[in-house]
């Protein structure tokens, strides 16, 4: 009787071990079990312009931010960027959304080392950049920035 119990426990243990091994191998050959595929990484900056000054803000960033993004695209630091303009849903909401697309999280490693020369070339000295930033305080407020990964559902 004891021998039968030992054999039953051994067979059950081997069956469970085999099932776990088979599941692990199935996951490894098919990739992640997540219901999505990972894509590029986006930074989203939410901006609230003062009433009637959205066009003025967009003119300012056309002269400064756009050339920086274009050079970053040319050097393959970023993949793309987008600027969305719309109506705020409340007085505390943003009306402009700036999205910058990076190939992956690793693109953020030493990012400042890559960007600083471009920003200096396009926007001038640190003092000139500070003056531009102070000028922008009169027409806009940055409500927040998020960094998120794009996913594609499987």
N, C-alpha and C. Protein backbone atom coordinates (compact mmCIF):
# COMPACT_ATOMS: atom_id res chain seq x y z
N UNK A 1 0.81 -1.18 0.00
CA UNK A 1 0.00 0.00 0.00
C UNK A 1 0.86 1.25 0.00
N UNK A 2 1.91 1.29 0.77
CA UNK A 2 2.80 2.43 0.84
C UNK A 2 3.52 2.64 -0.48
N UNK A 3 3.90 1.55 -1.13
CA UNK A 3 4.57 1.64 -2.43
C UNK A 3 3.65 2.26 -3.46
N UNK A 4 2.39 1.95 -3.43
CA UNK A 4 1.43 2.52 -4.38
C UNK A 4 1.30 4.03 -4.13
N UNK A 5 1.26 4.45 -2.88
CA UNK A 5 1.17 5.87 -2.55
C UNK A 5 2.41 6.62 -3.03
N UNK A 6 3.57 6.03 -2.82
CA UNK A 6 4.83 6.67 -3.25
C UNK A 6 4.84 6.82 -4.77
N UNK A 7 4.42 5.77 -5.49
CA UNK A 7 4.37 5.84 -6.95
C UNK A 7 3.36 6.90 -7.42
N UNK A 8 2.23 6.97 -6.76
CA UNK A 8 1.20 7.95 -7.13
C UNK A 8 1.72 9.37 -6.93
N UNK A 9 2.40 9.60 -5.80
CA UNK A 9 2.96 10.93 -5.52
C UNK A 9 4.05 11.25 -6.54
N UNK A 10 4.89 10.29 -6.84
CA UNK A 10 5.96 10.51 -7.82
C UNK A 10 5.39 10.82 -9.19
N UNK A 11 4.39 10.07 -9.62
CA UNK A 11 3.78 10.32 -10.93
C UNK A 11 3.11 11.69 -10.96
N UNK A 12 2.40 12.05 -9.89
CA UNK A 12 1.75 13.37 -9.81
C UNK A 12 2.80 14.48 -9.86
N UNK A 13 3.89 14.31 -9.11
CA UNK A 13 4.95 15.33 -9.10
C UNK A 13 5.58 15.48 -10.48
N UNK A 14 5.85 14.36 -11.13
CA UNK A 14 6.43 14.41 -12.47
C UNK A 14 5.47 15.06 -13.47
N UNK A 15 4.20 14.78 -13.33
CA UNK A 15 3.20 15.37 -14.23
C UNK A 15 3.15 16.88 -14.05
N UNK A 16 3.13 17.35 -12.81
CA UNK A 16 3.12 18.79 -12.53
C UNK A 16 4.41 19.44 -13.05
N UNK A 17 5.54 18.80 -12.80
CA UNK A 17 6.82 19.35 -13.26
C UNK A 17 6.85 19.44 -14.78
N UNK A 18 6.36 18.39 -15.45
CA UNK A 18 6.33 18.40 -16.91
C UNK A 18 5.41 19.51 -17.44
N UNK A 19 4.26 19.69 -16.80
CA UNK A 19 3.31 20.73 -17.22
C UNK A 19 3.94 22.11 -17.07
N UNK A 20 4.63 22.33 -15.96
CA UNK A 20 5.31 23.63 -15.74
C UNK A 20 6.40 23.85 -16.77
N UNK A 21 7.18 22.80 -17.05
CA UNK A 21 8.25 22.91 -18.04
C UNK A 21 7.68 23.21 -19.42
N UNK A 22 6.60 22.53 -19.78
CA UNK A 22 5.97 22.75 -21.09
C UNK A 22 5.45 24.17 -21.20
N UNK A 23 4.84 24.69 -20.13
CA UNK A 23 4.30 26.06 -20.14
C UNK A 23 5.44 27.07 -20.30
N UNK A 24 6.55 26.88 -19.58
CA UNK A 24 7.70 27.77 -19.68
C UNK A 24 8.24 27.79 -21.10
N UNK A 25 8.38 26.62 -21.71
CA UNK A 25 8.89 26.56 -23.07
C UNK A 25 7.94 27.21 -24.05
N UNK A 26 6.64 27.04 -23.87
CA UNK A 26 5.66 27.65 -24.78
C UNK A 26 5.75 29.16 -24.70
N UNK A 27 5.93 29.70 -23.51
CA UNK A 27 6.03 31.15 -23.35
C UNK A 27 7.31 31.67 -24.01
N UNK A 28 8.41 30.95 -23.83
CA UNK A 28 9.68 31.41 -24.39
C UNK A 28 9.69 31.39 -25.92
N UNK A 29 9.06 30.41 -26.53
CA UNK A 29 9.09 30.34 -27.99
C UNK A 29 8.14 31.34 -28.63
N UNK A 30 7.08 31.71 -27.94
CA UNK A 30 6.11 32.64 -28.50
C UNK A 30 6.33 34.07 -28.03
N UNK A 31 7.34 34.36 -27.24
CA UNK A 31 7.57 35.70 -26.73
C UNK A 31 6.77 35.93 -25.47
N UNK A 32 6.57 37.19 -25.16
CA UNK A 32 5.86 37.58 -23.95
C UNK A 32 4.41 37.11 -23.99
N UNK A 33 3.88 36.87 -22.81
CA UNK A 33 2.47 36.51 -22.72
C UNK A 33 1.59 37.74 -22.61
N UNK A 34 2.19 38.93 -22.65
CA UNK A 34 1.41 40.18 -22.59
C UNK A 34 0.48 40.25 -23.80
N UNK A 35 -0.67 40.89 -23.64
CA UNK A 35 -1.63 40.98 -24.76
C UNK A 35 -1.28 42.09 -25.75
N UNK A 36 -0.02 42.52 -25.75
CA UNK A 36 0.39 43.60 -26.65
C UNK A 36 1.86 43.46 -27.02
N UNK A 37 2.26 44.16 -28.08
CA UNK A 37 3.66 44.28 -28.47
C UNK A 37 4.12 45.67 -28.11
N UNK A 38 5.35 45.76 -27.62
CA UNK A 38 5.90 47.05 -27.22
C UNK A 38 6.42 47.81 -28.43
N UNK A 39 6.19 49.11 -28.43
CA UNK A 39 6.63 49.97 -29.52
C UNK A 39 7.53 51.08 -29.03
N UNK A 40 7.55 52.20 -29.75
CA UNK A 40 8.40 53.32 -29.36
C UNK A 40 7.92 53.99 -28.07
N UNK A 41 8.73 54.89 -27.55
CA UNK A 41 8.43 55.61 -26.32
C UNK A 41 8.14 57.07 -26.67
N UNK A 42 7.11 57.62 -26.07
CA UNK A 42 6.68 58.99 -26.34
C UNK A 42 6.78 59.84 -25.08
N UNK A 43 7.23 61.09 -25.23
CA UNK A 43 7.06 62.07 -24.15
C UNK A 43 5.90 62.96 -24.57
N UNK A 44 5.04 63.26 -23.63
CA UNK A 44 3.88 64.10 -23.87
C UNK A 44 3.98 65.30 -22.94
N UNK A 45 3.96 66.49 -23.49
CA UNK A 45 4.01 67.70 -22.69
C UNK A 45 2.70 68.44 -22.86
N UNK A 46 2.02 68.67 -21.73
CA UNK A 46 0.72 69.32 -21.73
C UNK A 46 0.88 70.79 -21.40
N UNK A 47 0.43 71.64 -22.33
CA UNK A 47 0.65 73.08 -22.21
C UNK A 47 -0.68 73.82 -22.22
N UNK A 48 -0.78 74.76 -21.31
CA UNK A 48 -1.97 75.62 -21.23
C UNK A 48 -1.52 77.04 -21.59
N UNK A 49 -2.02 77.56 -22.70
CA UNK A 49 -1.69 78.93 -23.07
C UNK A 49 -2.72 79.87 -22.47
N UNK A 50 -2.30 81.10 -22.24
CA UNK A 50 -3.25 82.10 -21.74
C UNK A 50 -4.23 82.42 -22.86
N UNK A 51 -5.42 82.83 -22.46
CA UNK A 51 -6.50 83.09 -23.41
C UNK A 51 -6.04 84.02 -24.53
N UNK A 52 -6.26 83.55 -25.76
CA UNK A 52 -5.93 84.35 -26.94
C UNK A 52 -4.47 84.33 -27.36
N UNK A 53 -3.62 83.59 -26.65
CA UNK A 53 -2.19 83.62 -26.95
C UNK A 53 -1.65 82.30 -27.52
N UNK A 54 -2.53 81.39 -27.89
CA UNK A 54 -2.07 80.11 -28.44
C UNK A 54 -1.28 80.31 -29.73
N UNK A 55 -1.77 81.17 -30.63
CA UNK A 55 -1.05 81.41 -31.89
C UNK A 55 0.31 82.05 -31.63
N UNK A 56 0.40 82.94 -30.67
CA UNK A 56 1.69 83.56 -30.33
C UNK A 56 2.67 82.50 -29.82
N UNK A 57 2.20 81.61 -28.98
CA UNK A 57 3.05 80.53 -28.49
C UNK A 57 3.51 79.64 -29.63
N UNK A 58 2.59 79.28 -30.52
CA UNK A 58 2.94 78.42 -31.65
C UNK A 58 3.94 79.10 -32.58
N UNK A 59 3.84 80.42 -32.75
CA UNK A 59 4.83 81.15 -33.54
C UNK A 59 6.21 81.06 -32.88
N UNK A 60 6.23 81.23 -31.57
CA UNK A 60 7.51 81.16 -30.85
C UNK A 60 8.16 79.79 -30.97
N UNK A 61 7.39 78.73 -30.81
CA UNK A 61 8.02 77.41 -30.87
C UNK A 61 8.36 77.02 -32.31
N UNK A 62 7.70 77.64 -33.28
CA UNK A 62 8.07 77.39 -34.68
C UNK A 62 9.49 77.89 -34.94
N UNK A 63 9.85 78.97 -34.29
CA UNK A 63 11.19 79.56 -34.49
C UNK A 63 12.27 78.86 -33.67
N UNK A 64 11.89 78.19 -32.59
CA UNK A 64 12.91 77.63 -31.70
C UNK A 64 12.82 76.11 -31.55
N UNK A 65 11.67 75.62 -31.15
CA UNK A 65 11.52 74.19 -30.86
C UNK A 65 11.51 73.36 -32.14
N UNK A 66 10.80 73.82 -33.15
CA UNK A 66 10.71 73.05 -34.41
C UNK A 66 12.09 72.78 -35.01
N UNK A 67 12.98 73.77 -35.13
CA UNK A 67 14.31 73.46 -35.68
C UNK A 67 15.10 72.45 -34.84
N UNK A 68 14.91 72.47 -33.52
CA UNK A 68 15.58 71.50 -32.65
C UNK A 68 15.07 70.10 -32.97
N UNK A 69 13.74 69.94 -33.02
CA UNK A 69 13.17 68.63 -33.33
C UNK A 69 13.58 68.15 -34.71
N UNK A 70 13.61 69.04 -35.68
CA UNK A 70 14.00 68.64 -37.04
C UNK A 70 15.44 68.14 -37.08
N UNK A 71 16.32 68.83 -36.36
CA UNK A 71 17.73 68.39 -36.31
C UNK A 71 17.85 67.06 -35.57
N UNK A 72 17.07 66.89 -34.50
CA UNK A 72 17.09 65.62 -33.78
C UNK A 72 16.60 64.48 -34.66
N UNK A 73 15.58 64.74 -35.47
CA UNK A 73 15.12 63.72 -36.42
C UNK A 73 16.21 63.39 -37.43
N UNK A 74 16.86 64.43 -37.94
CA UNK A 74 17.92 64.25 -38.93
C UNK A 74 19.05 63.39 -38.37
N UNK A 75 19.37 63.60 -37.08
CA UNK A 75 20.44 62.84 -36.43
C UNK A 75 19.93 61.52 -35.83
N UNK A 76 18.66 61.21 -36.04
CA UNK A 76 18.03 59.98 -35.58
C UNK A 76 18.02 59.84 -34.05
N UNK A 77 17.98 60.97 -33.36
CA UNK A 77 17.84 60.97 -31.90
C UNK A 77 16.37 60.71 -31.56
N UNK A 78 15.48 61.32 -32.34
CA UNK A 78 14.05 61.07 -32.20
C UNK A 78 13.53 60.52 -33.53
N UNK A 79 12.39 59.82 -33.46
CA UNK A 79 11.78 59.31 -34.68
C UNK A 79 10.86 60.35 -35.31
N UNK A 80 10.11 61.06 -34.45
CA UNK A 80 9.14 62.02 -34.95
C UNK A 80 8.66 62.89 -33.80
N UNK A 81 7.88 63.90 -34.13
CA UNK A 81 7.21 64.72 -33.12
C UNK A 81 5.89 65.18 -33.70
N UNK A 82 4.97 65.49 -32.82
CA UNK A 82 3.66 65.98 -33.23
C UNK A 82 3.22 67.05 -32.24
N UNK A 83 2.47 68.01 -32.74
CA UNK A 83 1.91 69.04 -31.88
C UNK A 83 0.41 69.07 -32.14
N UNK A 84 -0.36 68.87 -31.08
CA UNK A 84 -1.81 68.88 -31.17
C UNK A 84 -2.33 70.15 -30.52
N UNK A 85 -3.28 70.80 -31.20
CA UNK A 85 -3.86 72.05 -30.72
C UNK A 85 -5.36 71.85 -30.63
N UNK A 86 -5.96 72.23 -29.54
CA UNK A 86 -7.40 72.05 -29.38
C UNK A 86 -7.94 72.90 -28.26
N UNK A 87 -9.16 72.62 -27.92
CA UNK A 87 -9.83 73.36 -26.85
C UNK A 87 -9.59 72.67 -25.51
N UNK A 88 -9.37 73.47 -24.49
CA UNK A 88 -9.27 72.94 -23.13
C UNK A 88 -10.68 72.57 -22.66
N UNK A 89 -10.78 71.48 -21.91
CA UNK A 89 -12.09 71.05 -21.43
C UNK A 89 -12.50 71.73 -20.13
N UNK A 90 -11.56 72.42 -19.50
CA UNK A 90 -11.83 73.17 -18.27
C UNK A 90 -10.75 74.24 -18.13
N UNK A 91 -10.94 75.18 -17.24
CA UNK A 91 -9.90 76.22 -17.04
C UNK A 91 -8.55 75.66 -16.59
N UNK A 92 -8.55 74.45 -16.03
CA UNK A 92 -7.29 73.84 -15.57
C UNK A 92 -6.68 72.89 -16.60
N UNK A 93 -7.30 72.72 -17.76
CA UNK A 93 -6.88 71.76 -18.77
C UNK A 93 -5.88 72.38 -19.75
N UNK A 94 -5.14 71.52 -20.45
CA UNK A 94 -4.21 71.97 -21.48
C UNK A 94 -4.95 72.16 -22.80
N UNK A 95 -4.37 72.98 -23.68
CA UNK A 95 -4.93 73.15 -25.02
C UNK A 95 -3.92 72.81 -26.11
N UNK A 96 -2.67 72.58 -25.72
CA UNK A 96 -1.64 72.17 -26.67
C UNK A 96 -0.92 70.96 -26.07
N UNK A 97 -0.72 69.97 -26.92
CA UNK A 97 -0.02 68.75 -26.51
C UNK A 97 1.14 68.54 -27.46
N UNK A 98 2.35 68.45 -26.92
CA UNK A 98 3.53 68.19 -27.73
C UNK A 98 3.98 66.76 -27.46
N UNK A 99 4.08 65.97 -28.53
CA UNK A 99 4.48 64.57 -28.43
C UNK A 99 5.80 64.38 -29.17
N UNK A 100 6.74 63.72 -28.52
CA UNK A 100 8.03 63.43 -29.14
C UNK A 100 8.24 61.92 -29.06
N UNK A 101 8.54 61.31 -30.21
CA UNK A 101 8.67 59.86 -30.31
C UNK A 101 10.14 59.43 -30.33
N UNK A 102 10.49 58.56 -29.40
CA UNK A 102 11.83 57.99 -29.30
C UNK A 102 11.77 56.51 -29.67
N UNK A 103 12.83 55.95 -30.21
CA UNK A 103 12.78 54.55 -30.64
C UNK A 103 12.52 53.57 -29.50
N UNK A 104 13.06 53.86 -28.30
CA UNK A 104 12.93 52.94 -27.16
C UNK A 104 13.41 53.66 -25.90
N UNK A 105 13.35 52.97 -24.77
CA UNK A 105 13.79 53.58 -23.50
C UNK A 105 15.29 53.87 -23.52
N UNK A 106 16.07 53.06 -24.21
CA UNK A 106 17.52 53.26 -24.25
C UNK A 106 17.89 54.59 -24.90
N UNK A 107 17.00 55.15 -25.71
CA UNK A 107 17.27 56.44 -26.35
C UNK A 107 17.46 57.56 -25.33
N UNK A 108 16.98 57.36 -24.11
CA UNK A 108 17.11 58.37 -23.07
C UNK A 108 18.49 58.35 -22.40
N UNK A 109 19.27 57.29 -22.64
CA UNK A 109 20.61 57.22 -22.07
C UNK A 109 21.49 58.28 -22.72
N UNK A 110 22.09 59.12 -21.90
CA UNK A 110 22.97 60.20 -22.36
C UNK A 110 22.27 61.13 -23.36
N UNK A 111 20.97 61.29 -23.23
CA UNK A 111 20.21 62.12 -24.16
C UNK A 111 20.66 63.57 -24.12
N UNK A 112 20.94 64.08 -22.95
CA UNK A 112 21.36 65.48 -22.84
C UNK A 112 22.67 65.73 -23.59
N UNK A 113 23.58 64.78 -23.54
CA UNK A 113 24.85 64.92 -24.27
C UNK A 113 24.61 65.08 -25.78
N UNK A 114 23.57 64.42 -26.27
CA UNK A 114 23.25 64.51 -27.70
C UNK A 114 22.47 65.77 -28.03
N UNK A 115 21.61 66.20 -27.11
CA UNK A 115 20.72 67.32 -27.38
C UNK A 115 21.34 68.69 -27.13
N UNK A 116 22.18 68.81 -26.13
CA UNK A 116 22.74 70.12 -25.77
C UNK A 116 23.40 70.84 -26.94
N UNK A 117 24.24 70.16 -27.75
CA UNK A 117 24.85 70.88 -28.88
C UNK A 117 23.81 71.37 -29.90
N UNK A 118 22.74 70.61 -30.09
CA UNK A 118 21.70 71.01 -31.03
C UNK A 118 20.95 72.22 -30.49
N UNK A 119 20.58 72.17 -29.23
CA UNK A 119 19.85 73.28 -28.61
C UNK A 119 20.71 74.54 -28.62
N UNK A 120 21.98 74.42 -28.31
CA UNK A 120 22.88 75.58 -28.31
C UNK A 120 23.00 76.17 -29.70
N UNK A 121 23.09 75.32 -30.71
CA UNK A 121 23.22 75.80 -32.09
C UNK A 121 21.96 76.54 -32.55
N UNK A 122 20.80 76.00 -32.23
CA UNK A 122 19.54 76.56 -32.70
C UNK A 122 19.06 77.72 -31.83
N UNK A 123 19.17 77.56 -30.50
CA UNK A 123 18.55 78.52 -29.59
C UNK A 123 19.54 79.48 -28.92
N UNK A 124 20.82 79.34 -29.21
CA UNK A 124 21.79 80.28 -28.69
C UNK A 124 22.37 79.88 -27.35
N UNK A 125 22.99 80.87 -26.72
CA UNK A 125 23.67 80.65 -25.44
C UNK A 125 22.66 80.34 -24.35
N UNK A 126 23.18 79.91 -23.22
CA UNK A 126 22.31 79.61 -22.08
C UNK A 126 21.53 80.85 -21.65
N UNK A 127 22.17 82.00 -21.71
CA UNK A 127 21.50 83.26 -21.35
C UNK A 127 20.35 83.57 -22.33
N UNK A 128 20.59 83.35 -23.62
CA UNK A 128 19.54 83.57 -24.62
C UNK A 128 18.38 82.60 -24.42
N UNK A 129 18.69 81.36 -24.10
CA UNK A 129 17.64 80.36 -23.86
C UNK A 129 16.83 80.71 -22.63
N UNK A 130 17.50 81.20 -21.60
CA UNK A 130 16.81 81.60 -20.37
C UNK A 130 15.86 82.76 -20.65
N UNK A 131 16.31 83.73 -21.45
CA UNK A 131 15.47 84.87 -21.80
C UNK A 131 14.23 84.41 -22.58
N UNK A 132 14.41 83.47 -23.48
CA UNK A 132 13.27 82.92 -24.24
C UNK A 132 12.31 82.21 -23.30
N UNK A 133 12.84 81.44 -22.37
CA UNK A 133 11.99 80.71 -21.41
C UNK A 133 11.20 81.67 -20.54
N UNK A 134 11.84 82.74 -20.09
CA UNK A 134 11.15 83.74 -19.26
C UNK A 134 10.05 84.41 -20.07
N UNK A 135 10.32 84.72 -21.32
CA UNK A 135 9.32 85.33 -22.19
C UNK A 135 8.10 84.41 -22.35
N UNK A 136 8.34 83.13 -22.43
CA UNK A 136 7.23 82.17 -22.59
C UNK A 136 6.38 82.06 -21.34
N UNK A 137 6.94 82.38 -20.17
CA UNK A 137 6.16 82.32 -18.94
C UNK A 137 4.95 83.24 -19.00
N UNK A 138 5.05 84.31 -19.81
CA UNK A 138 3.95 85.27 -19.93
C UNK A 138 2.79 84.73 -20.74
N UNK A 139 3.01 83.69 -21.54
CA UNK A 139 1.94 83.23 -22.43
C UNK A 139 1.53 81.78 -22.24
N UNK A 140 2.30 81.00 -21.49
CA UNK A 140 1.94 79.60 -21.32
C UNK A 140 2.41 79.04 -19.99
N UNK A 141 1.77 77.92 -19.64
CA UNK A 141 2.15 77.19 -18.44
C UNK A 141 2.24 75.71 -18.83
N UNK A 142 3.32 75.06 -18.42
CA UNK A 142 3.45 73.62 -18.65
C UNK A 142 2.76 72.92 -17.49
N UNK A 143 1.69 72.21 -17.80
CA UNK A 143 0.91 71.53 -16.76
C UNK A 143 1.53 70.20 -16.35
N UNK A 144 2.31 69.61 -17.24
CA UNK A 144 2.95 68.34 -16.89
C UNK A 144 3.56 67.67 -18.09
N UNK A 145 4.38 66.69 -17.81
CA UNK A 145 5.01 65.89 -18.85
C UNK A 145 4.90 64.43 -18.44
N UNK A 146 4.61 63.58 -19.40
CA UNK A 146 4.55 62.14 -19.17
C UNK A 146 5.43 61.45 -20.20
N UNK A 147 5.95 60.31 -19.82
CA UNK A 147 6.68 59.46 -20.76
C UNK A 147 5.97 58.12 -20.77
N UNK A 148 5.57 57.67 -21.96
CA UNK A 148 4.78 56.45 -22.07
C UNK A 148 5.25 55.64 -23.28
N UNK A 149 5.09 54.33 -23.18
CA UNK A 149 5.43 53.44 -24.29
C UNK A 149 4.18 53.18 -25.12
N UNK A 150 4.35 53.27 -26.43
CA UNK A 150 3.27 52.91 -27.35
C UNK A 150 3.16 51.38 -27.38
N UNK A 151 1.94 50.89 -27.39
CA UNK A 151 1.74 49.45 -27.51
C UNK A 151 0.78 49.17 -28.65
N UNK A 152 0.91 47.98 -29.21
CA UNK A 152 -0.01 47.49 -30.23
C UNK A 152 -0.65 46.22 -29.69
N UNK A 153 -1.95 46.21 -29.61
CA UNK A 153 -2.63 45.02 -29.09
C UNK A 153 -2.44 43.85 -30.03
N UNK A 154 -2.25 42.67 -29.46
CA UNK A 154 -2.05 41.45 -30.26
C UNK A 154 -3.37 40.97 -30.81
